Protein backbone atom coordinates (compact mmCIF):
# COMPACT_ATOMS: atom_id res chain seq x y z
CA MET A 1 -18.69 -73.11 -48.17
CA ARG A 2 -15.47 -71.71 -49.62
CA LYS A 3 -16.94 -68.20 -49.54
CA LEU A 4 -17.89 -68.54 -45.87
CA ILE A 5 -14.43 -69.80 -44.91
CA LEU A 6 -12.78 -66.96 -46.81
CA TYR A 7 -14.95 -64.34 -45.09
CA PHE A 8 -14.18 -65.94 -41.74
CA LEU A 9 -10.43 -65.79 -42.42
CA ILE A 10 -10.74 -62.12 -43.47
CA TYR A 11 -12.68 -61.45 -40.28
CA ILE A 12 -10.05 -63.12 -38.09
CA PHE A 13 -7.18 -61.39 -39.89
CA PHE A 14 -8.62 -57.89 -39.55
CA CYS A 15 -9.67 -58.45 -35.94
CA LEU A 16 -6.13 -59.52 -35.10
CA ILE A 17 -4.65 -56.49 -36.81
CA GLN A 18 -7.10 -53.99 -35.32
CA PHE A 19 -7.44 -55.27 -31.77
CA PHE A 20 -4.25 -57.10 -30.90
CA PHE A 21 -1.46 -55.75 -33.10
CA SER A 22 -2.52 -52.13 -32.76
CA GLN A 23 -0.85 -51.88 -29.37
CA TYR A 24 2.46 -52.91 -30.91
CA LEU A 25 2.26 -51.11 -34.23
CA ASN A 26 0.90 -47.72 -33.20
CA SER A 27 2.90 -44.56 -33.00
CA PHE A 28 1.80 -41.90 -30.49
CA ARG A 29 -1.55 -43.74 -30.18
CA ILE A 30 -2.14 -43.25 -33.89
CA PHE A 31 -3.24 -46.39 -35.71
CA PRO A 32 -5.28 -46.79 -38.91
CA ASN A 33 -8.80 -48.15 -38.79
CA PHE A 34 -8.30 -51.30 -40.87
CA ILE A 35 -11.83 -52.52 -40.16
CA LEU A 36 -13.36 -49.41 -41.72
CA VAL A 37 -11.26 -49.85 -44.85
CA CYS A 38 -12.24 -53.53 -45.01
CA VAL A 39 -15.97 -52.78 -44.73
CA VAL A 40 -15.80 -50.07 -47.41
CA CYS A 41 -13.78 -52.33 -49.72
CA ILE A 42 -16.17 -55.24 -49.34
CA GLY A 43 -19.02 -52.84 -50.08
CA PHE A 44 -17.32 -51.75 -53.31
CA ILE A 45 -16.53 -55.28 -54.42
CA LYS A 46 -19.45 -57.40 -53.17
CA GLY A 47 -22.33 -54.97 -52.59
CA SER A 48 -24.47 -53.72 -49.73
CA PHE A 49 -25.65 -56.96 -48.14
CA ASN A 50 -22.19 -58.46 -47.65
CA ALA A 51 -20.73 -55.15 -46.45
CA GLN A 52 -23.58 -54.63 -43.97
CA LEU A 53 -23.18 -58.13 -42.56
CA VAL A 54 -19.40 -57.84 -42.27
CA GLY A 55 -19.70 -54.31 -40.86
CA PHE A 56 -22.20 -55.42 -38.24
CA LEU A 57 -20.01 -58.35 -37.15
CA PHE A 58 -16.88 -56.19 -36.97
CA GLY A 59 -18.75 -53.48 -35.11
CA LEU A 60 -20.29 -55.92 -32.66
CA THR A 61 -16.88 -57.45 -31.98
CA TRP A 62 -15.39 -54.01 -31.40
CA ASP A 63 -18.29 -53.06 -29.10
CA ILE A 64 -17.70 -56.17 -27.02
CA PHE A 65 -14.04 -55.20 -26.55
CA SER A 66 -14.67 -51.51 -25.85
CA THR A 67 -16.19 -49.59 -22.97
CA ASP A 68 -18.17 -47.15 -25.12
CA VAL A 69 -21.91 -47.19 -25.58
CA PHE A 70 -22.81 -50.70 -26.74
CA ALA A 71 -23.76 -51.15 -30.41
CA THR A 72 -22.52 -47.76 -31.61
CA ARG A 73 -19.79 -49.21 -33.79
CA ALA A 74 -22.07 -51.99 -35.01
CA LEU A 75 -24.57 -49.37 -36.13
CA LEU A 76 -21.95 -47.13 -37.74
CA PHE A 77 -20.15 -49.94 -39.57
CA THR A 78 -23.48 -51.31 -40.81
CA ILE A 79 -24.46 -47.89 -42.16
CA LEU A 80 -21.05 -47.41 -43.78
CA GLY A 81 -21.27 -50.89 -45.31
CA TYR A 82 -24.67 -50.06 -46.76
CA LEU A 83 -23.52 -46.73 -48.18
CA SER A 84 -20.32 -48.14 -49.67
CA GLY A 85 -22.27 -51.05 -51.11
CA LYS A 86 -24.50 -48.59 -52.95
CA LEU A 87 -21.38 -47.38 -54.78
CA ASN A 88 -20.79 -50.92 -56.05
CA ARG A 89 -20.09 -50.85 -59.80
CA LYS A 90 -20.78 -47.14 -60.08
CA PHE A 91 -17.13 -46.08 -59.89
CA ASP A 92 -13.79 -47.54 -60.86
CA ILE A 93 -12.61 -49.52 -57.85
CA ILE A 94 -9.04 -49.58 -59.12
CA ASN A 95 -8.78 -45.78 -58.98
CA THR A 96 -6.60 -45.10 -55.93
CA PHE A 97 -7.71 -41.48 -55.58
CA PHE A 98 -11.37 -42.52 -55.46
CA GLN A 99 -10.62 -45.20 -52.85
CA CYS A 100 -8.82 -42.70 -50.62
CA VAL A 101 -11.52 -40.04 -50.94
CA ILE A 102 -14.34 -42.46 -50.08
CA VAL A 103 -12.46 -43.93 -47.11
CA PHE A 104 -11.56 -40.41 -45.94
CA LEU A 105 -15.23 -39.38 -46.04
CA ALA A 106 -16.34 -42.65 -44.41
CA ASN A 107 -13.82 -42.10 -41.62
CA ILE A 108 -15.13 -38.58 -41.00
CA VAL A 109 -18.71 -39.93 -40.88
CA TYR A 110 -17.55 -42.64 -38.49
CA ASP A 111 -15.76 -40.24 -36.12
CA LEU A 112 -18.61 -37.71 -36.19
CA GLY A 113 -21.10 -40.52 -35.57
CA LEU A 114 -19.17 -41.72 -32.53
CA TYR A 115 -18.92 -38.16 -31.25
CA LEU A 116 -22.63 -37.45 -31.73
CA ILE A 117 -23.73 -40.69 -30.12
CA ASN A 118 -21.48 -39.99 -27.12
CA CYS A 119 -22.85 -36.46 -26.90
CA ILE A 120 -26.47 -37.61 -27.04
CA ILE A 121 -26.35 -40.68 -24.81
CA ILE A 122 -23.52 -39.98 -22.40
CA GLN A 123 -23.67 -36.18 -22.74
CA ASP A 124 -19.90 -36.03 -22.80
CA PHE A 125 -18.89 -32.96 -24.80
CA LYS A 126 -15.20 -32.94 -23.92
CA ASP A 127 -14.11 -35.57 -26.46
CA THR A 128 -13.98 -33.44 -29.60
CA LEU A 129 -12.12 -34.10 -32.80
CA THR A 130 -8.52 -33.87 -31.69
CA PHE A 131 -5.18 -34.14 -33.40
CA LYS A 132 -5.23 -37.88 -32.67
CA ASN A 133 -8.54 -38.33 -34.51
CA ILE A 134 -7.38 -36.27 -37.49
CA SER A 135 -4.09 -38.19 -37.59
CA ASN A 136 -5.99 -41.49 -37.48
CA ILE A 137 -8.12 -40.35 -40.42
CA PHE A 138 -5.03 -39.56 -42.47
CA THR A 139 -3.20 -42.77 -41.57
CA THR A 140 -6.30 -44.76 -42.48
CA THR A 141 -6.44 -42.96 -45.81
CA ILE A 142 -2.76 -43.68 -46.45
CA VAL A 143 -3.12 -47.47 -45.91
CA THR A 144 -6.31 -47.65 -48.00
CA PRO A 145 -4.71 -48.52 -51.38
CA PHE A 146 -2.74 -51.40 -49.84
CA VAL A 147 -5.79 -52.90 -48.10
CA PHE A 148 -7.92 -52.48 -51.25
CA TYR A 149 -5.27 -54.19 -53.36
CA VAL A 150 -5.01 -57.17 -51.02
CA LEU A 151 -8.77 -57.57 -50.58
CA ARG A 152 -9.41 -57.24 -54.31
CA ARG A 153 -6.95 -60.06 -54.93
CA VAL A 154 -8.40 -62.25 -52.15
CA LEU A 155 -12.06 -61.66 -53.04
CA LYS A 156 -11.49 -62.00 -56.77
CA GLY A 157 -12.26 -65.69 -56.87
CA ILE A 158 -15.57 -65.68 -55.01
């Protein structure tokens, strides 16, 4: 029961940061993807199943709030949760460089996945990787060590 409550509180906290505080904390429409970092971190710490479940719930919530093709983020976050969960216990999670590289690559996969799904389903080729997307990738990579540190401390007990 304690584990479920803790995951629920993490879910609420990251939803508040990503969806509601982003409008106040962004600079030039550049805001880190805290949900992506959370999914990757949970995959590293707790494994594939937990990261897939959390990724699907975060993605579904984001899809409900957005006007994009429904279930794209749920699919992408589930895939990223699975892939990051496969790295569980294979690398040193405390290594900051490794955390940043994996989140950087996951963010590129995420952005390319969104772009490809929009190109295939909507056939909208005008939304390419712009300066905003590249800046979001770098800001997400910069906040990665802080989010990993906090989540490692919170998830340590369960």
